[in-house]
Amino acid sequence: MSIKWKGVFPAMTTKFTPDDKLDLALLSTNIEAQIDAGIDGIILGGTLGEASVLTNSEKETLIKYTVDVINGRIPVVLNIAEGSTREALKQAEYATEWGADGLMMLPPMRYKTDHRETVTYFKTVAGSTDLPIMVYNNPVDYKTEITLDMFEEMIECDNIQAVKESTRDVSNVTRLKTRFGNRLKVLCGIDTIAMEEMTLGAEGWVGGLVCAFPEETVAIYRLIKAGQIDEAIKIHRWFLPLLELDLHPKLVQYIKLAEAQTGIGSEHVRPPRLTLTGEERKTILKIINDGIASRPTIPDLARTI
């Protein structure tokens, strides 16, 4: 399946049972809620998916199960976040074997690569696979910035097609579109500034809070692309306190708690993460429950675009 790299792509959480096994039934529930809302693709094995504590066997199970449940309705993307080129190449090979439709790739983990090393890493993996690739540019959390000059070299690979833009610099959307036009699709990777980046030309949104609030996320995207900015702003103003949960080191716990409160997920995380307790839990629950209590009405236009 080809990927258009536009629209809403949830960075899916990984669902666990109370005894720390994959909860595939709950994953299916969330997938169907996402598809019913109109999302455009799904990303597995990212930061929000607790990829660093998943075994390779669990990744295989997640991909194969998701591919089976989705059954060609939308593309399935596997994230690659490895410390070595060798391991990244293995993950790209596995992704094809398991039935994924595309890859999202971070720069090498734990070592801050320079320009030459970064470009070589991405081009080496891209050259090993036919899968389309979205490069994840998040220098705030992962320390390596992928510059426009790097992209200039990397897009010599036809399958490097998109960027998850997470620099926190809204103006970088304009820089990317000015330099590369439609050759490089831009999807915002920061929930709190997705509306701003999409109005500046970003084609999509890789979301976190969409895991709990898919209808509202899709509505904002569709309204913006239809030019209904005032309607999108109304939903965005309601959404912002929730979207800010995506910016915290405990985003996994916060977003999973939101999924539990909206009935399409659970709080269960894998240690060393622990579920929230005490005043912190009360504070986050209030933000979530206040949002649920005041959920906006989605305009009919946003459901039919």
C-alpha atoms as a PDB file:
ATOM      1  CA  MET A   1       0.000   0.000   0.000  1.00  0.00           C
ATOM      2  CA  SER A   2       1.361   3.442  -0.923  1.00  0.00           C
ATOM      3  CA  ILE A   3       1.264   6.170   1.712  1.00  0.00           C
ATOM      4  CA  LYS A   4       0.091   9.680   0.905  1.00  0.00           C
ATOM      5  CA  TRP A   5       1.647  11.098   4.107  1.00  0.00           C
ATOM      6  CA  LYS A   6      -1.214  13.447   4.843  1.00  0.00           C
ATOM      7  CA  GLY A   7      -3.926  13.567   7.465  1.00  0.00           C
ATOM      8  CA  VAL A   8      -3.908  12.260  11.027  1.00  0.00           C
ATOM      9  CA  PHE A   9      -1.515   9.463  12.048  1.00  0.00           C
ATOM     10  CA  PRO A  10      -1.882   8.374  15.704  1.00  0.00           C
ATOM     11  CA  ALA A  11       1.347   7.411  17.444  1.00  0.00           C
ATOM     12  CA  MET A  12      -0.307   4.430  19.080  1.00  0.00           C
ATOM     13  CA  THR A  13       0.218   3.430  22.692  1.00  0.00           C
ATOM     14  CA  THR A  14       0.970  -0.216  23.355  1.00  0.00           C
ATOM     15  CA  LYS A  15      -1.826  -1.830  25.322  1.00  0.00           C
ATOM     16  CA  PHE A  16      -0.847  -4.089  28.226  1.00  0.00           C
ATOM     17  CA  THR A  17      -2.852  -6.379  30.498  1.00  0.00           C
ATOM     18  CA  PRO A  18      -2.532  -6.090  34.308  1.00  0.00           C
ATOM     19  CA  ASP A  19       0.002  -8.941  34.189  1.00  0.00           C
ATOM     20  CA  ASP A  20       2.194  -7.123  31.615  1.00  0.00           C
ATOM     21  CA  LYS A  21       1.235  -8.966  28.462  1.00  0.00           C
ATOM     22  CA  LEU A  22       0.112  -7.414  25.190  1.00  0.00           C
ATOM     23  CA  ASP A  23      -3.603  -6.596  25.322  1.00  0.00           C
ATOM     24  CA  LEU A  24      -4.531  -7.223  21.710  1.00  0.00           C
ATOM     25  CA  ALA A  25      -8.283  -7.041  22.279  1.00  0.00           C
ATOM     26  CA  LEU A  26      -7.956  -3.546  23.708  1.00  0.00           C
ATOM     27  CA  LEU A  27      -5.636  -2.580  20.861  1.00  0.00           C
ATOM     28  CA  SER A  28      -8.357  -3.633  18.431  1.00  0.00           C
ATOM     29  CA  THR A  29     -10.915  -1.508  20.292  1.00  0.00           C
ATOM     30  CA  ASN A  30      -8.713   1.548  19.965  1.00  0.00           C
ATOM     31  CA  ILE A  31      -7.904   0.886  16.318  1.00  0.00           C
ATOM     32  CA  GLU A  32     -11.587   0.720  15.437  1.00  0.00           C
ATOM     33  CA  ALA A  33     -12.270   3.961  17.324  1.00  0.00           C
ATOM     34  CA  GLN A  34      -9.476   5.625  15.362  1.00  0.00           C
ATOM     35  CA  ILE A  35     -10.702   4.367  11.999  1.00  0.00           C
ATOM     36  CA  ASP A  36     -14.308   5.290  12.800  1.00  0.00           C
ATOM     37  CA  ALA A  37     -13.104   8.840  13.483  1.00  0.00           C
ATOM     38  CA  GLY A  38     -11.402   9.009  10.091  1.00  0.00           C
ATOM     39  CA  ILE A  39      -7.672   8.802  10.813  1.00  0.00           C
ATOM     40  CA  ASP A  40      -5.366   8.252   7.841  1.00  0.00           C
ATOM     41  CA  GLY A  41      -2.679   5.860   9.116  1.00  0.00           C
ATOM     42  CA  ILE A  42      -1.291   4.272  12.267  1.00  0.00           C
ATOM     43  CA  ILE A  43       2.234   4.320  13.710  1.00  0.00           C
ATOM     44  CA  LEU A  44       3.412   1.544  16.026  1.00  0.00           C
ATOM     45  CA  GLY A  45       6.527   1.238  18.148  1.00  0.00           C
ATOM     46  CA  GLY A  46       7.206   4.907  18.806  1.00  0.00           C
ATOM     47  CA  THR A  47       8.069   6.685  22.032  1.00  0.00           C
ATOM     48  CA  LEU A  48       4.423   6.724  23.030  1.00  0.00           C
ATOM     49  CA  GLY A  49       4.290   3.020  22.198  1.00  0.00           C
ATOM     50  CA  GLU A  50       6.980   2.264  24.824  1.00  0.00           C
ATOM     51  CA  ALA A  51       9.148   0.771  22.072  1.00  0.00           C
ATOM     52  CA  SER A  52      12.302   0.759  24.169  1.00  0.00           C
ATOM     53  CA  VAL A  53      10.817  -1.902  26.480  1.00  0.00           C
ATOM     54  CA  LEU A  54       9.224  -4.098  23.813  1.00  0.00           C
ATOM     55  CA  THR A  55      10.856  -7.312  22.685  1.00  0.00           C
ATOM     56  CA  ASN A  56      11.300  -7.985  19.000  1.00  0.00           C
ATOM     57  CA  SER A  57       8.743 -10.753  19.292  1.00  0.00           C
ATOM     58  CA  GLU A  58       6.219  -8.319  20.749  1.00  0.00           C
ATOM     59  CA  LYS A  59       6.839  -5.857  17.918  1.00  0.00           C
ATOM     60  CA  GLU A  60       6.206  -8.650  15.445  1.00  0.00           C
ATOM     61  CA  THR A  61       2.968  -9.556  17.189  1.00  0.00           C
ATOM     62  CA  LEU A  62       1.811  -5.932  17.262  1.00  0.00           C
ATOM     63  CA  ILE A  63       2.518  -5.329  13.583  1.00  0.00           C
ATOM     64  CA  LYS A  64       1.023  -8.592  12.330  1.00  0.00           C
ATOM     65  CA  TYR A  65      -2.056  -8.249  14.511  1.00  0.00           C
ATOM     66  CA  THR A  66      -2.622  -4.623  13.504  1.00  0.00           C
ATOM     67  CA  VAL A  67      -2.165  -5.412   9.818  1.00  0.00           C
ATOM     68  CA  ASP A  68      -4.731  -8.187  10.170  1.00  0.00           C
ATOM     69  CA  VAL A  69      -7.262  -5.999  12.020  1.00  0.00           C
ATOM     70  CA  ILE A  70      -6.882  -3.071   9.636  1.00  0.00           C
ATOM     71  CA  ASN A  71      -7.070  -5.318   6.570  1.00  0.00           C
ATOM     72  CA  GLY A  72      -5.908  -2.672   4.105  1.00  0.00           C
ATOM     73  CA  ARG A  73      -8.161   0.150   5.287  1.00  0.00           C
ATOM     74  CA  ILE A  74      -5.255   2.469   6.198  1.00  0.00           C
ATOM     75  CA  PRO A  75      -1.442   2.126   6.164  1.00  0.00           C
ATOM     76  CA  VAL A  76       0.487   0.682   9.106  1.00  0.00           C
ATOM     77  CA  VAL A  77       3.846   2.315   9.877  1.00  0.00           C
ATOM     78  CA  LEU A  78       6.586   0.859  12.103  1.00  0.00           C
ATOM     79  CA  ASN A  79       8.942   3.181  13.969  1.00  0.00           C
ATOM     80  CA  ILE A  80      12.677   2.458  13.933  1.00  0.00           C
ATOM     81  CA  ALA A  81      14.716   3.812  16.858  1.00  0.00           C
ATOM     82  CA  GLU A  82      17.961   1.890  17.120  1.00  0.00           C
ATOM     83  CA  GLY A  83      21.481   2.528  18.316  1.00  0.00           C
ATOM     84  CA  SER A  84      23.254   1.030  15.328  1.00  0.00           C
ATOM     85  CA  THR A  85      22.821   0.964  11.577  1.00  0.00           C
ATOM     86  CA  ARG A  86      22.986  -2.826  11.664  1.00  0.00           C
ATOM     87  CA  GLU A  87      19.980  -3.068  13.980  1.00  0.00           C
ATOM     88  CA  ALA A  88      18.062  -0.452  11.994  1.00  0.00           C
ATOM     89  CA  LEU A  89      18.599  -2.502   8.841  1.00  0.00           C
ATOM     90  CA  LYS A  90      17.222  -5.566  10.630  1.00  0.00           C
ATOM     91  CA  GLN A  91      14.126  -3.652  11.730  1.00  0.00           C
ATOM     92  CA  ALA A  92      13.519  -2.428   8.187  1.00  0.00           C
ATOM     93  CA  GLU A  93      13.755  -6.008   6.947  1.00  0.00           C
ATOM     94  CA  TYR A  94      11.411  -7.237   9.671  1.00  0.00           C
ATOM     95  CA  ALA A  95       8.904  -4.490   8.834  1.00  0.00           C
ATOM     96  CA  THR A  96       8.571  -5.848   5.313  1.00  0.00           C
ATOM     97  CA  GLU A  97       8.297  -9.448   6.553  1.00  0.00           C
ATOM     98  CA  TRP A  98       5.614  -8.493   9.075  1.00  0.00           C
ATOM     99  CA  GLY A  99       3.498  -6.608   6.568  1.00  0.00           C
ATOM    100  CA  ALA A 100       4.082  -2.957   7.498  1.00  0.00           C
ATOM    101  CA  ASP A 101       3.374  -0.383   4.789  1.00  0.00           C
ATOM    102  CA  GLY A 102       6.023   2.151   5.799  1.00  0.00           C
ATOM    103  CA  LEU A 103       8.643   3.268   8.293  1.00  0.00           C
ATOM    104  CA  MET A 104       9.146   6.201  10.614  1.00  0.00           C
ATOM    105  CA  MET A 105      12.823   6.613  11.491  1.00  0.00           C
ATOM    106  CA  LEU A 106      14.692   8.426  14.220  1.00  0.00           C
ATOM    107  CA  PRO A 107      18.413   9.225  14.004  1.00  0.00           C
ATOM    108  CA  PRO A 108      20.673   6.750  15.830  1.00  0.00           C
ATOM    109  CA  MET A 109      19.942   6.523  19.543  1.00  0.00           C
ATOM    110  CA  ARG A 110      22.518   7.218  22.282  1.00  0.00           C
ATOM    111  CA  TYR A 111      25.123   8.686  19.934  1.00  0.00           C
ATOM    112  CA  LYS A 112      24.838  12.190  18.497  1.00  0.00           C
ATOM    113  CA  THR A 113      25.779  11.763  14.863  1.00  0.00           C
ATOM    114  CA  ASP A 114      27.292  14.554  12.793  1.00  0.00           C
ATOM    115  CA  HIS A 115      26.083  15.642   9.347  1.00  0.00           C
ATOM    116  CA  ARG A 116      27.837  12.904   7.378  1.00  0.00           C
ATOM    117  CA  GLU A 117      26.941  10.161   9.823  1.00  0.00           C
ATOM    118  CA  THR A 118      23.286  11.194  10.008  1.00  0.00           C
ATOM    119  CA  VAL A 119      22.854  11.340   6.246  1.00  0.00           C
ATOM    120  CA  THR A 120      24.690   8.049   5.745  1.00  0.00           C
ATOM    121  CA  TYR A 121      22.528   6.329   8.368  1.00  0.00           C
ATOM    122  CA  PHE A 122      19.234   7.321   6.758  1.00  0.00           C
ATOM    123  CA  LYS A 123      20.394   6.700   3.201  1.00  0.00           C
ATOM    124  CA  THR A 124      21.796   3.271   4.109  1.00  0.00           C
ATOM    125  CA  VAL A 125      18.509   2.117   5.592  1.00  0.00           C
ATOM    126  CA  ALA A 126      16.461   3.725   2.814  1.00  0.00           C
ATOM    127  CA  GLY A 127      18.596   1.966   0.235  1.00  0.00           C
ATOM    128  CA  SER A 128      17.906  -1.399   1.839  1.00  0.00           C
ATOM    129  CA  THR A 129      14.110  -1.299   1.564  1.00  0.00           C
ATOM    130  CA  ASP A 130      11.283  -0.401  -0.780  1.00  0.00           C
ATOM    131  CA  LEU A 131       9.146   0.852   2.113  1.00  0.00           C
ATOM    132  CA  PRO A 132       8.356   4.594   2.174  1.00  0.00           C
ATOM    133  CA  ILE A 133      10.013   6.470   5.037  1.00  0.00           C
ATOM    134  CA  MET A 134       9.050   9.401   7.236  1.00  0.00           C
ATOM    135  CA  VAL A 135      12.077  10.902   9.020  1.00  0.00           C
ATOM    136  CA  TYR A 136      11.411  11.892  12.641  1.00  0.00           C
ATOM    137  CA  ASN A 137      13.188  15.186  13.381  1.00  0.00           C
ATOM    138  CA  ASN A 138      13.112  15.799  17.143  1.00  0.00           C
ATOM    139  CA  PRO A 139      16.372  17.445  18.267  1.00  0.00           C
ATOM    140  CA  VAL A 140      14.860  18.554  21.593  1.00  0.00           C
ATOM    141  CA  ASP A 141      14.362  15.006  22.862  1.00  0.00           C
ATOM    142  CA  TYR A 142      16.868  13.079  20.748  1.00  0.00           C
ATOM    143  CA  LYS A 143      19.670  15.674  20.395  1.00  0.00           C
ATOM    144  CA  THR A 144      20.400  15.217  16.685  1.00  0.00           C
ATOM    145  CA  GLU A 145      18.903  17.881  14.424  1.00  0.00           C
ATOM    146  CA  ILE A 146      18.227  16.914  10.836  1.00  0.00           C
ATOM    147  CA  THR A 147      18.943  20.113   8.950  1.00  0.00           C
ATOM    148  CA  LEU A 148      17.618  21.234   5.585  1.00  0.00           C
ATOM    149  CA  ASP A 149      21.052  20.570   4.065  1.00  0.00           C
ATOM    150  CA  MET A 150      20.878  17.005   5.350  1.00  0.00           C
ATOM    151  CA  PHE A 151      17.419  16.559   3.836  1.00  0.00           C
ATOM    152  CA  GLU A 152      18.772  17.880   0.537  1.00  0.00           C
ATOM    153  CA  GLU A 153      21.133  14.906   0.396  1.00  0.00           C
ATOM    154  CA  MET A 154      18.711  12.376   1.868  1.00  0.00           C
ATOM    155  CA  ILE A 155      15.921  12.936  -0.639  1.00  0.00           C
ATOM    156  CA  GLU A 156      18.158  11.492  -3.307  1.00  0.00           C
ATOM    157  CA  CYS A 157      16.469   8.333  -1.965  1.00  0.00           C
ATOM    158  CA  ASP A 158      13.005   8.280  -3.516  1.00  0.00           C
ATOM    159  CA  ASN A 159      11.488   6.463  -0.557  1.00  0.00           C
ATOM    160  CA  ILE A 160      12.454   9.191   1.938  1.00  0.00           C
ATOM    161  CA  GLN A 161       9.173  11.000   1.478  1.00  0.00           C
ATOM    162  CA  ALA A 162       8.119  12.820   4.653  1.00  0.00           C
ATOM    163  CA  VAL A 163       9.253  14.389   7.896  1.00  0.00           C
ATOM    164  CA  LYS A 164       7.669  14.277  11.315  1.00  0.00           C
ATOM    165  CA  GLU A 165       8.461  17.880  12.246  1.00  0.00           C
ATOM    166  CA  SER A 166       9.124  18.095  15.987  1.00  0.00           C
ATOM    167  CA  THR A 167      11.727  20.839  16.257  1.00  0.00           C
ATOM    168  CA  ARG A 168       9.185  23.072  18.103  1.00  0.00           C
ATOM    169  CA  ASP A 169      10.020  25.816  15.582  1.00  0.00           C
ATOM    170  CA  VAL A 170       6.807  26.528  13.688  1.00  0.00           C
ATOM    171  CA  SER A 171       8.675  28.488  11.045  1.00  0.00           C
ATOM    172  CA  ASN A 172      10.549  25.327  10.065  1.00  0.00           C
ATOM    173  CA  VAL A 173       7.433  24.263   8.161  1.00  0.00           C
ATOM    174  CA  THR A 174       7.847  27.283   5.918  1.00  0.00           C
ATOM    175  CA  ARG A 175      11.568  26.575   5.472  1.00  0.00           C
ATOM    176  CA  LEU A 176      10.845  22.976   4.468  1.00  0.00           C
ATOM    177  CA  LYS A 177       8.027  23.853   2.065  1.00  0.00           C
ATOM    178  CA  THR A 178       9.980  26.727   0.508  1.00  0.00           C
ATOM    179  CA  ARG A 179      13.009  24.545  -0.145  1.00  0.00           C
ATOM    180  CA  PHE A 180      11.421  21.232  -1.024  1.00  0.00           C
ATOM    181  CA  GLY A 181       7.840  21.992  -2.030  1.00  0.00           C
ATOM    182  CA  ASN A 182       5.775  18.819  -2.328  1.00  0.00           C
ATOM    183  CA  ARG A 183       8.844  16.575  -2.567  1.00  0.00           C
ATOM    184  CA  LEU A 184       8.913  16.293   1.229  1.00  0.00           C
ATOM    185  CA  LYS A 185       5.605  15.994   3.058  1.00  0.00           C
ATOM    186  CA  VAL A 186       5.509  17.621   6.496  1.00  0.00           C
ATOM    187  CA  LEU A 187       3.532  16.196   9.412  1.00  0.00           C
ATOM    188  CA  CYS A 188       3.571  18.031  12.729  1.00  0.00           C
ATOM    189  CA  GLY A 189       4.763  15.868  15.620  1.00  0.00           C
ATOM    190  CA  ILE A 190       3.974  18.243  18.491  1.00  0.00           C
ATOM    191  CA  ASP A 191       0.337  18.271  19.569  1.00  0.00           C
ATOM    192  CA  THR A 192       0.246  21.813  20.926  1.00  0.00           C
ATOM    193  CA  ILE A 193       1.382  23.463  17.682  1.00  0.00           C
ATOM    194  CA  ALA A 194      -0.196  21.140  15.134  1.00  0.00           C
ATOM    195  CA  MET A 195      -2.925  23.614  14.251  1.00  0.00           C
ATOM    196  CA  GLU A 196      -0.406  26.379  13.613  1.00  0.00           C
ATOM    197  CA  GLU A 197       1.838  24.145  11.508  1.00  0.00           C
ATOM    198  CA  MET A 198      -1.031  22.811   9.416  1.00  0.00           C
ATOM    199  CA  THR A 199      -2.216  26.323   8.615  1.00  0.00           C
ATOM    200  CA  LEU A 200       1.320  27.016   7.368  1.00  0.00           C
ATOM    201  CA  GLY A 201       1.255  24.095   4.982  1.00  0.00           C
ATOM    202  CA  ALA A 202       2.009  20.919   6.947  1.00  0.00           C
ATOM    203  CA  GLU A 203       0.123  18.085   5.308  1.00  0.00           C
ATOM    204  CA  GLY A 204      -0.667  16.195   8.470  1.00  0.00           C
ATOM    205  CA  TRP A 205      -0.422  15.529  12.177  1.00  0.00           C
ATOM    206  CA  VAL A 206       1.313  12.682  14.003  1.00  0.00           C
ATOM    207  CA  GLY A 207      -0.700  12.889  17.195  1.00  0.00           C
ATOM    208  CA  GLY A 208      -0.511  11.715  20.791  1.00  0.00           C
ATOM    209  CA  LEU A 209      -3.822  12.788  22.356  1.00  0.00           C
ATOM    210  CA  VAL A 210      -5.581  11.451  19.274  1.00  0.00           C
ATOM    211  CA  CYS A 211      -5.158   8.077  21.004  1.00  0.00           C
ATOM    212  CA  ALA A 212      -7.861   9.174  23.443  1.00  0.00           C
ATOM    213  CA  PHE A 213      -9.675  11.849  21.409  1.00  0.00           C
ATOM    214  CA  PRO A 214      -9.679  10.749  17.760  1.00  0.00           C
ATOM    215  CA  GLU A 215     -12.832  12.583  16.612  1.00  0.00           C
ATOM    216  CA  GLU A 216     -11.657  15.971  17.832  1.00  0.00           C
ATOM    217  CA  THR A 217      -8.194  15.525  16.342  1.00  0.00           C
ATOM    218  CA  VAL A 218      -9.535  14.547  12.938  1.00  0.00           C
ATOM    219  CA  ALA A 219     -12.055  17.401  13.061  1.00  0.00           C
ATOM    220  CA  ILE A 220      -9.316  20.010  13.578  1.00  0.00           C
ATOM    221  CA  TYR A 221      -7.299  18.623  10.674  1.00  0.00           C
ATOM    222  CA  ARG A 222     -10.270  18.470   8.309  1.00  0.00           C
ATOM    223  CA  LEU A 223     -11.585  21.908   9.208  1.00  0.00           C
ATOM    224  CA  ILE A 224      -8.176  23.510   8.666  1.00  0.00           C
ATOM    225  CA  LYS A 225      -7.765  21.862   5.288  1.00  0.00           C
ATOM    226  CA  ALA A 226     -11.274  23.000   4.331  1.00  0.00           C
ATOM    227  CA  GLY A 227     -10.421  26.573   5.262  1.00  0.00           C
ATOM    228  CA  GLN A 228     -12.819  26.583   8.222  1.00  0.00           C
ATOM    229  CA  ILE A 229     -10.247  28.091  10.572  1.00  0.00           C
ATOM    230  CA  ASP A 230     -12.702  29.667  13.024  1.00  0.00           C
ATOM    231  CA  GLU A 231     -14.425  26.319  13.549  1.00  0.00           C
ATOM    232  CA  ALA A 232     -11.064  24.602  14.027  1.00  0.00           C
ATOM    233  CA  ILE A 233      -9.990  27.243  16.554  1.00  0.00           C
ATOM    234  CA  LYS A 234     -13.070  26.571  18.703  1.00  0.00           C
ATOM    235  CA  ILE A 235     -12.147  22.914  19.053  1.00  0.00           C
ATOM    236  CA  HIS A 236      -8.447  23.679  19.466  1.00  0.00           C
ATOM    237  CA  ARG A 237      -9.080  26.055  22.381  1.00  0.00           C
ATOM    238  CA  TRP A 238     -11.013  23.338  24.163  1.00  0.00           C
ATOM    239  CA  PHE A 239      -8.320  20.775  23.305  1.00  0.00           C
ATOM    240  CA  LEU A 240      -5.183  22.687  24.324  1.00  0.00           C
ATOM    241  CA  PRO A 241      -5.087  21.749  28.055  1.00  0.00           C
ATOM    242  CA  LEU A 242      -5.257  18.112  26.971  1.00  0.00           C
ATOM    243  CA  LEU A 243      -2.736  18.514  24.172  1.00  0.00           C
ATOM    244  CA  GLU A 244      -0.239  19.895  26.674  1.00  0.00           C
ATOM    245  CA  LEU A 245      -0.120  16.450  28.300  1.00  0.00           C
ATOM    246  CA  ASP A 246       1.907  15.385  25.246  1.00  0.00           C
ATOM    247  CA  LEU A 247       4.847  17.611  26.233  1.00  0.00           C
ATOM    248  CA  HIS A 248       5.670  16.009  29.591  1.00  0.00           C
ATOM    249  CA  PRO A 249       8.250  13.263  30.264  1.00  0.00           C
ATOM    250  CA  LYS A 250       5.331  11.175  31.531  1.00  0.00           C
ATOM    251  CA  LEU A 251       3.336  11.607  28.327  1.00  0.00           C
ATOM    252  CA  VAL A 252       2.863   7.827  28.144  1.00  0.00           C
ATOM    253  CA  GLN A 253       1.185   7.648  31.546  1.00  0.00           C
ATOM    254  CA  TYR A 254      -0.828  10.804  30.929  1.00  0.00           C
ATOM    255  CA  ILE A 255      -2.137   9.760  27.529  1.00  0.00           C
ATOM    256  CA  LYS A 256      -2.860   6.222  28.660  1.00  0.00           C
ATOM    257  CA  LEU A 257      -4.892   7.618  31.561  1.00  0.00           C
ATOM    258  CA  ALA A 258      -6.825   9.718  29.041  1.00  0.00           C
ATOM    259  CA  GLU A 259      -7.455   6.610  26.923  1.00  0.00           C
ATOM    260  CA  ALA A 260      -8.780   4.804  29.989  1.00  0.00           C
ATOM    261  CA  GLN A 261     -11.110   7.688  30.849  1.00  0.00           C
ATOM    262  CA  THR A 262     -12.513   7.796  27.313  1.00  0.00           C
ATOM    263  CA  GLY A 263     -13.040   4.033  27.305  1.00  0.00           C
ATOM    264  CA  ILE A 264     -10.623   3.043  24.536  1.00  0.00           C
ATOM    265  CA  GLY A 265      -7.513   2.151  26.532  1.00  0.00           C
ATOM    266  CA  SER A 266      -6.082   1.377  29.953  1.00  0.00           C
ATOM    267  CA  GLU A 267      -3.543   2.848  32.358  1.00  0.00           C
ATOM    268  CA  HIS A 268      -1.231  -0.160  32.312  1.00  0.00           C
ATOM    269  CA  VAL A 269       2.391   0.689  31.502  1.00  0.00           C
ATOM    270  CA  ARG A 270       5.541  -1.413  31.511  1.00  0.00           C
ATOM    271  CA  PRO A 271       8.144  -0.859  34.254  1.00  0.00           C
ATOM    272  CA  PRO A 272      10.260   1.080  34.891  1.00  0.00           C
ATOM    273  CA  ARG A 273       7.272   3.327  34.135  1.00  0.00           C
ATOM    274  CA  LEU A 274       4.629   3.195  36.842  1.00  0.00           C
ATOM    275  CA  THR A 275       1.009   4.265  36.767  1.00  0.00           C
ATOM    276  CA  LEU A 276       0.215   7.618  38.336  1.00  0.00           C
ATOM    277  CA  THR A 277      -0.605   7.960  42.018  1.00  0.00           C
ATOM    278  CA  GLY A 278      -1.446  10.618  44.607  1.00  0.00           C
ATOM    279  CA  GLU A 279      -1.703  14.301  43.809  1.00  0.00           C
ATOM    280  CA  GLU A 280      -0.149  13.898  40.370  1.00  0.00           C
ATOM    281  CA  ARG A 281      -2.884  11.473  39.352  1.00  0.00           C
ATOM    282  CA  LYS A 282      -5.585  13.745  40.746  1.00  0.00           C
ATOM    283  CA  THR A 283      -4.181  16.723  38.834  1.00  0.00           C
ATOM    284  CA  ILE A 284      -3.996  14.894  35.497  1.00  0.00           C
ATOM    285  CA  LEU A 285      -7.396  13.269  36.021  1.00  0.00           C
ATOM    286  CA  LYS A 286      -8.959  16.669  36.563  1.00  0.00           C
ATOM    287  CA  ILE A 287      -7.540  17.983  33.296  1.00  0.00           C
ATOM    288  CA  ILE A 288      -8.811  14.905  31.454  1.00  0.00           C
ATOM    289  CA  ASN A 289     -12.221  14.769  33.099  1.00  0.00           C
ATOM    290  CA  ASP A 290     -12.790  18.506  32.683  1.00  0.00           C
ATOM    291  CA  GLY A 291     -12.063  18.038  29.000  1.00  0.00           C
ATOM    292  CA  ILE A 292     -14.422  15.071  28.700  1.00  0.00           C
ATOM    293  CA  ALA A 293     -17.181  16.991  30.474  1.00  0.00           C
ATOM    294  CA  SER A 294     -16.923  19.901  28.047  1.00  0.00           C
ATOM    295  CA  ARG A 295     -16.264  18.034  24.784  1.00  0.00           C
ATOM    296  CA  PRO A 296     -17.294  20.229  21.867  1.00  0.00           C
ATOM    297  CA  THR A 297     -19.860  19.337  19.261  1.00  0.00           C
ATOM    298  CA  ILE A 298     -18.132  18.316  16.056  1.00  0.00           C
ATOM    299  CA  PRO A 299     -19.505  20.294  13.078  1.00  0.00           C
ATOM    300  CA  ASP A 300     -21.186  18.143  10.444  1.00  0.00           C
ATOM    301  CA  LEU A 301     -18.743  19.560   7.902  1.00  0.00           C
ATOM    302  CA  ALA A 302     -15.804  17.968   9.714  1.00  0.00           C
ATOM    303  CA  ARG A 303     -17.504  14.557   9.476  1.00  0.00           C
ATOM    304  CA  THR A 304     -18.218  14.753   5.766  1.00  0.00           C
ATOM    305  CA  ILE A 305     -15.099  16.360   4.257  1.00  0.00           C
END
